[in-house]
Amino acid sequence: MGLGSTAKKIQTVADRAEQLYKQLVDVRKRVMELEETTTDTSDRVRDIETELEKQRAVLDALAEERDIDVDQVLADAAIEDVEPSDAATDGDTPNTNDGTAAASAETDESA
């Protein structure tokens, strides 16, 4: 009766199962690589955050030693980001505010 067609259907199902298994193995491998990448990235971020904390401590100590108000410098920088000067936006004159607040604080200290 239809043994030939049944065998063909079973073979088709077996072929599809094999394809799905290969895809599953591939997906599993990719997930494992993704987990490894995520772990490596997390470790790097933690190291960068630790280094940033150390650098911030050094900068805070230097600012305190030179009587620089860090909060004021940051506020000034934030204002300049929101409201750029006309000279910086027209392109004719380069932006010269590359630490002038810190330089003026040093000048005040030496005076």
PDB file of N, CA and C in Angstrom:
ATOM      1  N   MET A   1       0.837  -1.176   0.000  1.00  0.00           N
ATOM      2  CA  MET A   1       0.000   0.000   0.000  1.00  0.00           C
ATOM      3  C   MET A   1       0.884   1.242   0.000  1.00  0.00           C
ATOM      4  N   GLY A   2       1.236   1.993   0.745  1.00  0.00           N
ATOM      5  CA  GLY A   2       2.052   3.181   0.582  1.00  0.00           C
ATOM      6  C   GLY A   2       3.322   3.129   1.385  1.00  0.00           C
ATOM      7  N   LEU A   3       3.991   1.963   1.384  1.00  0.00           N
ATOM      8  CA  LEU A   3       5.221   1.857   2.168  1.00  0.00           C
ATOM      9  C   LEU A   3       6.328   2.742   1.596  1.00  0.00           C
ATOM     10  N   GLY A   4       6.376   2.856   0.287  1.00  0.00           N
ATOM     11  CA  GLY A   4       7.391   3.713  -0.340  1.00  0.00           C
ATOM     12  C   GLY A   4       7.197   5.168   0.031  1.00  0.00           C
ATOM     13  N   SER A   5       5.968   5.618   0.031  1.00  0.00           N
ATOM     14  CA  SER A   5       5.701   7.016   0.362  1.00  0.00           C
ATOM     15  C   SER A   5       5.896   7.262   1.851  1.00  0.00           C
ATOM     16  N   THR A   6       5.607   6.266   2.683  1.00  0.00           N
ATOM     17  CA  THR A   6       5.829   6.416   4.127  1.00  0.00           C
ATOM     18  C   THR A   6       7.318   6.505   4.422  1.00  0.00           C
ATOM     19  N   ALA A   7       8.092   5.680   3.750  1.00  0.00           N
ATOM     20  CA  ALA A   7       9.547   5.719   3.938  1.00  0.00           C
ATOM     21  C   ALA A   7      10.101   7.069   3.498  1.00  0.00           C
ATOM     22  N   LYS A   8       9.567   7.598   2.417  1.00  0.00           N
ATOM     23  CA  LYS A   8      10.019   8.910   1.933  1.00  0.00           C
ATOM     24  C   LYS A   8       9.672   9.996   2.942  1.00  0.00           C
ATOM     25  N   LYS A   9       8.480   9.929   3.533  1.00  0.00           N
ATOM     26  CA  LYS A   9       8.084  10.920   4.538  1.00  0.00           C
ATOM     27  C   LYS A   9       8.955  10.814   5.784  1.00  0.00           C
ATOM     28  N   ILE A  10       9.236   9.605   6.190  1.00  0.00           N
ATOM     29  CA  ILE A  10      10.112   9.408   7.361  1.00  0.00           C
ATOM     30  C   ILE A  10      11.503   9.948   7.067  1.00  0.00           C
ATOM     31  N   GLN A  11      12.012   9.719   5.874  1.00  0.00           N
ATOM     32  CA  GLN A  11      13.333  10.233   5.496  1.00  0.00           C
ATOM     33  C   GLN A  11      13.329  11.764   5.506  1.00  0.00           C
ATOM     34  N   THR A  12      12.244  12.374   5.017  1.00  0.00           N
ATOM     35  CA  THR A  12      12.127  13.839   5.016  1.00  0.00           C
ATOM     36  C   THR A  12      12.145  14.377   6.441  1.00  0.00           C
ATOM     37  N   VAL A  13      11.396  13.704   7.326  1.00  0.00           N
ATOM     38  CA  VAL A  13      11.369  14.121   8.731  1.00  0.00           C
ATOM     39  C   VAL A  13      12.756  13.971   9.342  1.00  0.00           C
ATOM     40  N   ALA A  14      13.443  12.871   9.043  1.00  0.00           N
ATOM     41  CA  ALA A  14      14.789  12.638   9.579  1.00  0.00           C
ATOM     42  C   ALA A  14      15.762  13.709   9.060  1.00  0.00           C
ATOM     43  N   ASP A  15      15.658  14.066   7.791  1.00  0.00           N
ATOM     44  CA  ASP A  15      16.528  15.101   7.227  1.00  0.00           C
ATOM     45  C   ASP A  15      16.290  16.447   7.916  1.00  0.00           C
ATOM     46  N   ARG A  16      15.033  16.776   8.118  1.00  0.00           N
ATOM     47  CA  ARG A  16      14.714  18.042   8.795  1.00  0.00           C
ATOM     48  C   ARG A  16      15.197  18.029  10.236  1.00  0.00           C
ATOM     49  N   ALA A  17      15.057  16.905  10.905  1.00  0.00           N
ATOM     50  CA  ALA A  17      15.541  16.793  12.289  1.00  0.00           C
ATOM     51  C   ALA A  17      17.057  16.992  12.330  1.00  0.00           C
ATOM     52  N   GLU A  18      17.749  16.434  11.356  1.00  0.00           N
ATOM     53  CA  GLU A  18      19.204  16.593  11.299  1.00  0.00           C
ATOM     54  C   GLU A  18      19.582  18.058  11.057  1.00  0.00           C
ATOM     55  N   GLN A  19      18.853  18.724  10.179  1.00  0.00           N
ATOM     56  CA  GLN A  19      19.109  20.156   9.930  1.00  0.00           C
ATOM     57  C   GLN A  19      18.868  20.980  11.190  1.00  0.00           C
ATOM     58  N   LEU A  20      17.762  20.676  11.864  1.00  0.00           N
ATOM     59  CA  LEU A  20      17.455  21.406  13.095  1.00  0.00           C
ATOM     60  C   LEU A  20      18.513  21.155  14.167  1.00  0.00           C
ATOM     61  N   TYR A  21      19.002  19.926  14.257  1.00  0.00           N
ATOM     62  CA  TYR A  21      20.042  19.608  15.230  1.00  0.00           C
ATOM     63  C   TYR A  21      21.316  20.403  14.932  1.00  0.00           C
ATOM     64  N   LYS A  22      21.690  20.471  13.655  1.00  0.00           N
ATOM     65  CA  LYS A  22      22.874  21.252  13.274  1.00  0.00           C
ATOM     66  C   LYS A  22      22.682  22.726  13.632  1.00  0.00           C
ATOM     67  N   GLN A  23      21.490  23.257  13.384  1.00  0.00           N
ATOM     68  CA  GLN A  23      21.209  24.649  13.729  1.00  0.00           C
ATOM     69  C   GLN A  23      21.258  24.848  15.242  1.00  0.00           C
ATOM     70  N   LEU A  24      20.724  23.889  15.978  1.00  0.00           N
ATOM     71  CA  LEU A  24      20.750  23.971  17.435  1.00  0.00           C
ATOM     72  C   LEU A  24      22.181  23.974  17.960  1.00  0.00           C
ATOM     73  N   VAL A  25      23.023  23.124  17.410  1.00  0.00           N
ATOM     74  CA  VAL A  25      24.432  23.088  17.806  1.00  0.00           C
ATOM     75  C   VAL A  25      25.092  24.430  17.501  1.00  0.00           C
ATOM     76  N   ASP A  26      24.786  24.995  16.333  1.00  0.00           N
ATOM     77  CA  ASP A  26      25.343  26.300  15.959  1.00  0.00           C
ATOM     78  C   ASP A  26      24.876  27.399  16.914  1.00  0.00           C
ATOM     79  N   VAL A  27      23.592  27.404  17.227  1.00  0.00           N
ATOM     80  CA  VAL A  27      23.056  28.419  18.146  1.00  0.00           C
ATOM     81  C   VAL A  27      23.683  28.262  19.530  1.00  0.00           C
ATOM     82  N   ARG A  28      23.822  27.035  19.982  1.00  0.00           N
ATOM     83  CA  ARG A  28      24.442  26.784  21.298  1.00  0.00           C
ATOM     84  C   ARG A  28      25.875  27.321  21.319  1.00  0.00           C
ATOM     85  N   LYS A  29      26.623  27.068  20.258  1.00  0.00           N
ATOM     86  CA  LYS A  29      28.003  27.549  20.170  1.00  0.00           C
ATOM     87  C   LYS A  29      28.032  29.077  20.209  1.00  0.00           C
ATOM     88  N   ARG A  30      27.121  29.710  19.470  1.00  0.00           N
ATOM     89  CA  ARG A  30      27.077  31.170  19.430  1.00  0.00           C
ATOM     90  C   ARG A  30      26.695  31.749  20.788  1.00  0.00           C
ATOM     91  N   VAL A  31      25.773  31.108  21.492  1.00  0.00           N
ATOM     92  CA  VAL A  31      25.373  31.571  22.820  1.00  0.00           C
ATOM     93  C   VAL A  31      26.551  31.459  23.790  1.00  0.00           C
ATOM     94  N   MET A  32      27.291  30.382  23.716  1.00  0.00           N
ATOM     95  CA  MET A  32      28.452  30.209  24.595  1.00  0.00           C
ATOM     96  C   MET A  32      29.506  31.283  24.304  1.00  0.00           C
ATOM     97  N   GLU A  33      29.735  31.583  23.029  1.00  0.00           N
ATOM     98  CA  GLU A  33      30.680  32.642  22.665  1.00  0.00           C
ATOM     99  C   GLU A  33      30.187  33.994  23.159  1.00  0.00           C
ATOM    100  N   LEU A  34      28.887  34.219  23.063  1.00  0.00           N
ATOM    101  CA  LEU A  34      28.296  35.466  23.541  1.00  0.00           C
ATOM    102  C   LEU A  34      28.455  35.601  25.050  1.00  0.00           C
ATOM    103  N   GLU A  35      28.244  34.519  25.781  1.00  0.00           N
ATOM    104  CA  GLU A  35      28.442  34.542  27.230  1.00  0.00           C
ATOM    105  C   GLU A  35      29.892  34.868  27.575  1.00  0.00           C
ATOM    106  N   GLU A  36      30.821  34.275  26.844  1.00  0.00           N
ATOM    107  CA  GLU A  36      32.244  34.538  27.084  1.00  0.00           C
ATOM    108  C   GLU A  36      32.579  35.999  26.789  1.00  0.00           C
ATOM    109  N   THR A  37      32.050  36.513  25.687  1.00  0.00           N
ATOM    110  CA  THR A  37      32.276  37.910  25.332  1.00  0.00           C
ATOM    111  C   THR A  37      31.687  38.841  26.385  1.00  0.00           C
ATOM    112  N   THR A  38      30.500  38.514  26.861  1.00  0.00           N
ATOM    113  CA  THR A  38      29.852  39.327  27.888  1.00  0.00           C
ATOM    114  C   THR A  38      30.674  39.327  29.168  1.00  0.00           C
ATOM    115  N   THR A  39      31.189  38.188  29.554  1.00  0.00           N
ATOM    116  CA  THR A  39      32.020  38.101  30.757  1.00  0.00           C
ATOM    117  C   THR A  39      33.296  38.923  30.580  1.00  0.00           C
ATOM    118  N   ASP A  40      33.940  38.799  29.424  1.00  0.00           N
ATOM    119  CA  ASP A  40      35.158  39.570  29.156  1.00  0.00           C
ATOM    120  C   ASP A  40      34.871  41.063  29.185  1.00  0.00           C
ATOM    121  N   THR A  41      33.764  41.462  28.581  1.00  0.00           N
ATOM    122  CA  THR A  41      33.393  42.876  28.547  1.00  0.00           C
ATOM    123  C   THR A  41      33.110  43.379  29.954  1.00  0.00           C
ATOM    124  N   SER A  42      32.419  42.602  30.734  1.00  0.00           N
ATOM    125  CA  SER A  42      32.127  42.976  32.120  1.00  0.00           C
ATOM    126  C   SER A  42      33.415  43.163  32.915  1.00  0.00           C
ATOM    127  N   ASP A  43      34.366  42.261  32.734  1.00  0.00           N
ATOM    128  CA  ASP A  43      35.653  42.388  33.418  1.00  0.00           C
ATOM    129  C   ASP A  43      36.385  43.662  32.994  1.00  0.00           C
ATOM    130  N   ARG A  44      36.364  43.947  31.694  1.00  0.00           N
ATOM    131  CA  ARG A  44      37.021  45.159  31.197  1.00  0.00           C
ATOM    132  C   ARG A  44      36.360  46.415  31.743  1.00  0.00           C
ATOM    133  N   VAL A  45      35.041  46.423  31.764  1.00  0.00           N
ATOM    134  CA  VAL A  45      34.314  47.591  32.291  1.00  0.00           C
ATOM    135  C   VAL A  45      34.661  47.790  33.760  1.00  0.00           C
ATOM    136  N   ARG A  46      34.696  46.717  34.528  1.00  0.00           N
ATOM    137  CA  ARG A  46      35.055  46.814  35.947  1.00  0.00           C
ATOM    138  C   ARG A  46      36.473  47.381  36.099  1.00  0.00           C
ATOM    139  N   ASP A  47      37.410  46.916  35.288  1.00  0.00           N
ATOM    140  CA  ASP A  47      38.782  47.425  35.346  1.00  0.00           C
ATOM    141  C   ASP A  47      38.830  48.908  34.984  1.00  0.00           C
ATOM    142  N   ILE A  48      38.086  49.295  33.967  1.00  0.00           N
ATOM    143  CA  ILE A  48      38.061  50.703  33.540  1.00  0.00           C
ATOM    144  C   ILE A  48      37.444  51.571  34.635  1.00  0.00           C
ATOM    145  N   GLU A  49      36.375  51.092  35.255  1.00  0.00           N
ATOM    146  CA  GLU A  49      35.747  51.856  36.328  1.00  0.00           C
ATOM    147  C   GLU A  49      36.699  52.027  37.505  1.00  0.00           C
ATOM    148  N   THR A  50      37.443  50.978  37.835  1.00  0.00           N
ATOM    149  CA  THR A  50      38.421  51.063  38.921  1.00  0.00           C
ATOM    150  C   THR A  50      39.501  52.077  38.583  1.00  0.00           C
ATOM    151  N   GLU A  51      40.003  52.020  37.363  1.00  0.00           N
ATOM    152  CA  GLU A  51      41.032  52.966  36.927  1.00  0.00           C
ATOM    153  C   GLU A  51      40.484  54.388  36.934  1.00  0.00           C
ATOM    154  N   LEU A  52      39.261  54.566  36.501  1.00  0.00           N
ATOM    155  CA  LEU A  52      38.640  55.887  36.496  1.00  0.00           C
ATOM    156  C   LEU A  52      38.504  56.434  37.909  1.00  0.00           C
ATOM    157  N   GLU A  53      38.123  55.587  38.854  1.00  0.00           N
ATOM    158  CA  GLU A  53      38.035  56.019  40.249  1.00  0.00           C
ATOM    159  C   GLU A  53      39.399  56.480  40.769  1.00  0.00           C
ATOM    160  N   LYS A  54      40.454  55.750  40.418  1.00  0.00           N
ATOM    161  CA  LYS A  54      41.803  56.137  40.845  1.00  0.00           C
ATOM    162  C   LYS A  54      42.191  57.487  40.237  1.00  0.00           C
ATOM    163  N   GLN A  55      41.916  57.645  38.937  1.00  0.00           N
ATOM    164  CA  GLN A  55      42.252  58.907  38.284  1.00  0.00           C
ATOM    165  C   GLN A  55      41.453  60.060  38.864  1.00  0.00           C
ATOM    166  N   ARG A  56      40.192  59.814  39.185  1.00  0.00           N
ATOM    167  CA  ARG A  56      39.352  60.855  39.781  1.00  0.00           C
ATOM    168  C   ARG A  56      39.916  61.270  41.138  1.00  0.00           C
ATOM    169  N   ALA A  57      40.385  60.304  41.922  1.00  0.00           N
ATOM    170  CA  ALA A  57      40.974  60.612  43.226  1.00  0.00           C
ATOM    171  C   ALA A  57      42.221  61.478  43.066  1.00  0.00           C
ATOM    172  N   VAL A  58      43.047  61.145  42.079  1.00  0.00           N
ATOM    173  CA  VAL A  58      44.258  61.946  41.835  1.00  0.00           C
ATOM    174  C   VAL A  58      43.880  63.355  41.390  1.00  0.00           C
ATOM    175  N   LEU A  59      42.928  63.458  40.467  1.00  0.00           N
ATOM    176  CA  LEU A  59      42.501  64.784  39.994  1.00  0.00           C
ATOM    177  C   LEU A  59      41.886  65.607  41.122  1.00  0.00           C
ATOM    178  N   ASP A  60      41.079  64.969  41.966  1.00  0.00           N
ATOM    179  CA  ASP A  60      40.487  65.686  43.099  1.00  0.00           C
ATOM    180  C   ASP A  60      41.569  66.183  44.047  1.00  0.00           C
ATOM    181  N   ALA A  61      42.589  65.350  44.290  1.00  0.00           N
ATOM    182  CA  ALA A  61      43.681  65.763  45.173  1.00  0.00           C
ATOM    183  C   ALA A  61      44.453  66.934  44.573  1.00  0.00           C
ATOM    184  N   LEU A  62      44.721  66.875  43.271  1.00  0.00           N
ATOM    185  CA  LEU A  62      45.426  67.981  42.609  1.00  0.00           C
ATOM    186  C   LEU A  62      44.581  69.255  42.627  1.00  0.00           C
ATOM    187  N   ALA A  63      43.301  69.114  42.373  1.00  0.00           N
ATOM    188  CA  ALA A  63      42.419  70.280  42.381  1.00  0.00           C
ATOM    189  C   ALA A  63      42.362  70.897  43.766  1.00  0.00           C
ATOM    190  N   GLU A  64      42.286  70.069  44.782  1.00  0.00           N
ATOM    191  CA  GLU A  64      42.252  70.592  46.155  1.00  0.00           C
ATOM    192  C   GLU A  64      43.565  71.286  46.493  1.00  0.00           C
ATOM    193  N   GLU A  65      44.667  70.697  46.062  1.00  0.00           N
ATOM    194  CA  GLU A  65      45.987  71.280  46.328  1.00  0.00           C
ATOM    195  C   GLU A  65      46.130  72.649  45.673  1.00  0.00           C
ATOM    196  N   ARG A  66      45.509  72.810  44.508  1.00  0.00           N
ATOM    197  CA  ARG A  66      45.630  74.076  43.768  1.00  0.00           C
ATOM    198  C   ARG A  66      44.406  74.976  43.953  1.00  0.00           C
ATOM    199  N   ASP A  67      43.560  74.646  44.887  1.00  0.00           N
ATOM    200  CA  ASP A  67      42.356  75.430  45.188  1.00  0.00           C
ATOM    201  C   ASP A  67      41.476  75.641  43.961  1.00  0.00           C
ATOM    202  N   ILE A  68      41.255  74.579  43.213  1.00  0.00           N
ATOM    203  CA  ILE A  68      40.380  74.627  42.044  1.00  0.00           C
ATOM    204  C   ILE A  68      39.033  74.034  42.451  1.00  0.00           C
ATOM    205  N   ASP A  69      37.967  74.785  42.183  1.00  0.00           N
ATOM    206  CA  ASP A  69      36.619  74.312  42.481  1.00  0.00           C
ATOM    207  C   ASP A  69      36.162  73.411  41.332  1.00  0.00           C
ATOM    208  N   VAL A  70      36.267  72.104  41.534  1.00  0.00           N
ATOM    209  CA  VAL A  70      35.955  71.129  40.492  1.00  0.00           C
ATOM    210  C   VAL A  70      34.494  71.242  40.062  1.00  0.00           C
ATOM    211  N   ASP A  71      33.600  71.419  41.019  1.00  0.00           N
ATOM    212  CA  ASP A  71      32.178  71.528  40.683  1.00  0.00           C
ATOM    213  C   ASP A  71      31.925  72.734  39.787  1.00  0.00           C
ATOM    214  N   GLN A  72      32.617  73.842  40.043  1.00  0.00           N
ATOM    215  CA  GLN A  72      32.436  75.029  39.224  1.00  0.00           C
ATOM    216  C   GLN A  72      32.988  74.802  37.806  1.00  0.00           C
ATOM    217  N   VAL A  73      34.128  74.144  37.714  1.00  0.00           N
ATOM    218  CA  VAL A  73      34.710  73.841  36.396  1.00  0.00           C
ATOM    219  C   VAL A  73      33.754  72.950  35.599  1.00  0.00           C
ATOM    220  N   LEU A  74      33.185  71.940  36.254  1.00  0.00           N
ATOM    221  CA  LEU A  74      32.237  71.057  35.576  1.00  0.00           C
ATOM    222  C   LEU A  74      30.969  71.805  35.176  1.00  0.00           C
ATOM    223  N   ALA A  75      30.496  72.686  36.036  1.00  0.00           N
ATOM    224  CA  ALA A  75      29.308  73.474  35.707  1.00  0.00           C
ATOM    225  C   ALA A  75      29.585  74.385  34.519  1.00  0.00           C
ATOM    226  N   ASP A  76      30.749  75.025  34.503  1.00  0.00           N
ATOM    227  CA  ASP A  76      31.111  75.886  33.376  1.00  0.00           C
ATOM    228  C   ASP A  76      31.183  75.078  32.078  1.00  0.00           C
ATOM    229  N   ALA A  77      31.752  73.893  32.151  1.00  0.00           N
ATOM    230  CA  ALA A  77      31.860  73.043  30.960  1.00  0.00           C
ATOM    231  C   ALA A  77      30.471  72.618  30.480  1.00  0.00           C
ATOM    232  N   ALA A  78      29.577  72.331  31.399  1.00  0.00           N
ATOM    233  CA  ALA A  78      28.214  71.934  31.021  1.00  0.00           C
ATOM    234  C   ALA A  78      27.486  73.093  30.360  1.00  0.00           C
ATOM    235  N   ILE A  79      27.685  74.291  30.861  1.00  0.00           N
ATOM    236  CA  ILE A  79      27.053  75.468  30.267  1.00  0.00           C
ATOM    237  C   ILE A  79      27.581  75.686  28.859  1.00  0.00           C
ATOM    238  N   GLU A  80      28.878  75.525  28.673  1.00  0.00           N
ATOM    239  CA  GLU A  80      29.470  75.710  27.350  1.00  0.00           C
ATOM    240  C   GLU A  80      28.983  74.648  26.365  1.00  0.00           C
ATOM    241  N   ASP A  81      28.716  73.440  26.865  1.00  0.00           N
ATOM    242  CA  ASP A  81      28.173  72.398  25.990  1.00  0.00           C
ATOM    243  C   ASP A  81      26.772  72.758  25.524  1.00  0.00           C
ATOM    244  N   VAL A  82      25.994  73.366  26.409  1.00  0.00           N
ATOM    245  CA  VAL A  82      24.626  73.728  26.068  1.00  0.00           C
ATOM    246  C   VAL A  82      24.581  74.987  25.222  1.00  0.00           C
ATOM    247  N   GLU A  83      25.410  75.974  25.563  1.00  0.00           N
ATOM    248  CA  GLU A  83      25.428  77.258  24.873  1.00  0.00           C
ATOM    249  C   GLU A  83      26.835  77.541  24.341  1.00  0.00           C
ATOM    250  N   PRO A  84      27.211  76.955  23.190  1.00  0.00           N
ATOM    251  CA  PRO A  84      28.549  77.205  22.654  1.00  0.00           C
ATOM    252  C   PRO A  84      28.703  78.677  22.284  1.00  0.00           C
ATOM    253  N   SER A  85      29.918  79.179  22.432  1.00  0.00           N
ATOM    254  CA  SER A  85      30.172  80.589  22.103  1.00  0.00           C
ATOM    255  C   SER A  85      30.071  80.799  20.598  1.00  0.00           C
ATOM    256  N   ASP A  86      29.837  82.061  20.183  1.00  0.00           N
ATOM    257  CA  ASP A  86      29.718  82.383  18.762  1.00  0.00           C
ATOM    258  C   ASP A  86      31.005  82.078  18.014  1.00  0.00           C
ATOM    259  N   ALA A  87      32.144  82.332  18.642  1.00  0.00           N
ATOM    260  CA  ALA A  87      33.432  82.107  17.987  1.00  0.00           C
ATOM    261  C   ALA A  87      33.643  80.619  17.721  1.00  0.00           C
ATOM    262  N   ALA A  88      33.185  79.783  18.629  1.00  0.00           N
ATOM    263  CA  ALA A  88      33.385  78.341  18.452  1.00  0.00           C
ATOM    264  C   ALA A  88      32.444  77.782  17.403  1.00  0.00           C
ATOM    265  N   THR A  89      31.317  78.430  17.159  1.00  0.00           N
ATOM    266  CA  THR A  89      30.357  77.878  16.214  1.00  0.00           C
ATOM    267  C   THR A  89      30.553  78.371  14.793  1.00  0.00           C
ATOM    268  N   ASP A  90      31.215  79.533  14.605  1.00  0.00           N
ATOM    269  CA  ASP A  90      31.339  80.029  13.234  1.00  0.00           C
ATOM    270  C   ASP A  90      32.521  79.423  12.494  1.00  0.00           C
ATOM    271  N   GLY A  91      33.421  78.733  13.194  1.00  0.00           N
ATOM    272  CA  GLY A  91      34.498  78.017  12.539  1.00  0.00           C
ATOM    273  C   GLY A  91      35.722  78.858  12.220  1.00  0.00           C
ATOM    274  N   ASP A  92      35.653  80.195  12.350  1.00  0.00           N
ATOM    275  CA  ASP A  92      36.803  81.031  12.045  1.00  0.00           C
ATOM    276  C   ASP A  92      37.824  81.034  13.171  1.00  0.00           C
ATOM    277  N   THR A  93      37.370  80.961  14.384  1.00  0.00           N
ATOM    278  CA  THR A  93      38.247  81.042  15.536  1.00  0.00           C
ATOM    279  C   THR A  93      38.192  79.718  16.288  1.00  0.00           C
ATOM    280  N   PRO A  94      39.342  79.117  16.563  1.00  0.00           N
ATOM    281  CA  PRO A  94      39.306  77.843  17.287  1.00  0.00           C
ATOM    282  C   PRO A  94      38.827  78.062  18.718  1.00  0.00           C
ATOM    283  N   ASN A  95      38.257  77.016  19.306  1.00  0.00           N
ATOM    284  CA  ASN A  95      37.791  77.056  20.683  1.00  0.00           C
ATOM    285  C   ASN A  95      39.008  77.085  21.587  1.00  0.00           C
ATOM    286  N   THR A  96      39.146  78.130  22.380  1.00  0.00           N
ATOM    287  CA  THR A  96      40.329  78.278  23.226  1.00  0.00           C
ATOM    288  C   THR A  96      40.053  77.895  24.658  1.00  0.00           C
ATOM    289  N   ASN A  97      38.864  77.399  24.954  1.00  0.00           N
ATOM    290  CA  ASN A  97      38.543  77.042  26.326  1.00  0.00           C
ATOM    291  C   ASN A  97      38.947  75.597  26.588  1.00  0.00           C
ATOM    292  N   ASP A  98      40.251  75.370  26.681  1.00  0.00           N
ATOM    293  CA  ASP A  98      40.764  74.032  26.921  1.00  0.00           C
ATOM    294  C   ASP A  98      41.446  73.958  28.272  1.00  0.00           C
ATOM    295  N   GLY A  99      40.804  74.515  29.275  1.00  0.00           N
ATOM    296  CA  GLY A  99      41.379  74.492  30.605  1.00  0.00           C
ATOM    297  C   GLY A  99      41.635  75.882  31.123  1.00  0.00           C
ATOM    298  N   THR A 100      41.005  76.881  30.560  1.00  0.00           N
ATOM    299  CA  THR A 100      41.256  78.247  31.006  1.00  0.00           C
ATOM    300  C   THR A 100      40.780  78.451  32.434  1.00  0.00           C
ATOM    301  N   ALA A 101      39.750  77.723  32.850  1.00  0.00           N
ATOM    302  CA  ALA A 101      39.293  77.840  34.235  1.00  0.00           C
ATOM    303  C   ALA A 101      40.380  77.360  35.179  1.00  0.00           C
ATOM    304  N   ALA A 102      41.016  76.229  34.835  1.00  0.00           N
ATOM    305  CA  ALA A 102      42.097  75.724  35.665  1.00  0.00           C
ATOM    306  C   ALA A 102      43.302  76.658  35.608  1.00  0.00           C
ATOM    307  N   ALA A 103      43.586  77.201  34.429  1.00  0.00           N
ATOM    308  CA  ALA A 103      44.720  78.105  34.288  1.00  0.00           C
ATOM    309  C   ALA A 103      44.475  79.393  35.080  1.00  0.00           C
ATOM    310  N   SER A 104      43.251  79.895  35.062  1.00  0.00           N
ATOM    311  CA  SER A 104      42.978  81.113  35.802  1.00  0.00           C
ATOM    312  C   SER A 104      43.048  80.846  37.294  1.00  0.00           C
ATOM    313  N   ALA A 105      42.660  79.654  37.729  1.00  0.00           N
ATOM    314  CA  ALA A 105      42.758  79.322  39.142  1.00  0.00           C
ATOM    315  C   ALA A 105      44.220  79.262  39.560  1.00  0.00           C
ATOM    316  N   GLU A 106      45.083  78.716  38.692  1.00  0.00           N
ATOM    317  CA  GLU A 106      46.517  78.671  39.018  1.00  0.00           C
ATOM    318  C   GLU A 106      47.080  80.073  39.060  1.00  0.00           C
ATOM    319  N   THR A 107      46.653  80.937  38.157  1.00  0.00           N
ATOM    320  CA  THR A 107      47.132  82.313  38.146  1.00  0.00           C
ATOM    321  C   THR A 107      46.709  83.028  39.418  1.00  0.00           C
ATOM    322  N   ASP A 108      45.466  82.804  39.866  1.00  0.00           N
ATOM    323  CA  ASP A 108      44.985  83.418  41.093  1.00  0.00           C
ATOM    324  C   ASP A 108      45.807  82.943  42.275  1.00  0.00           C
ATOM    325  N   GLU A 109      46.190  81.677  42.281  1.00  0.00           N
ATOM    326  CA  GLU A 109      46.951  81.120  43.388  1.00  0.00           C
ATOM    327  C   GLU A 109      48.345  81.749  43.466  1.00  0.00           C
ATOM    328  N   SER A 110      48.961  81.973  42.303  1.00  0.00           N
ATOM    329  CA  SER A 110      50.329  82.503  42.310  1.00  0.00           C
ATOM    330  C   SER A 110      50.355  83.978  42.593  1.00  0.00           C
ATOM    331  N   ALA A 111      49.246  84.672  42.470  1.00  0.00           N
ATOM    332  CA  ALA A 111      49.206  86.120  42.678  1.00  0.00           C
ATOM    333  C   ALA A 111      49.214  86.512  44.120  1.00  0.00           C
TER     334      ALA A 111
END
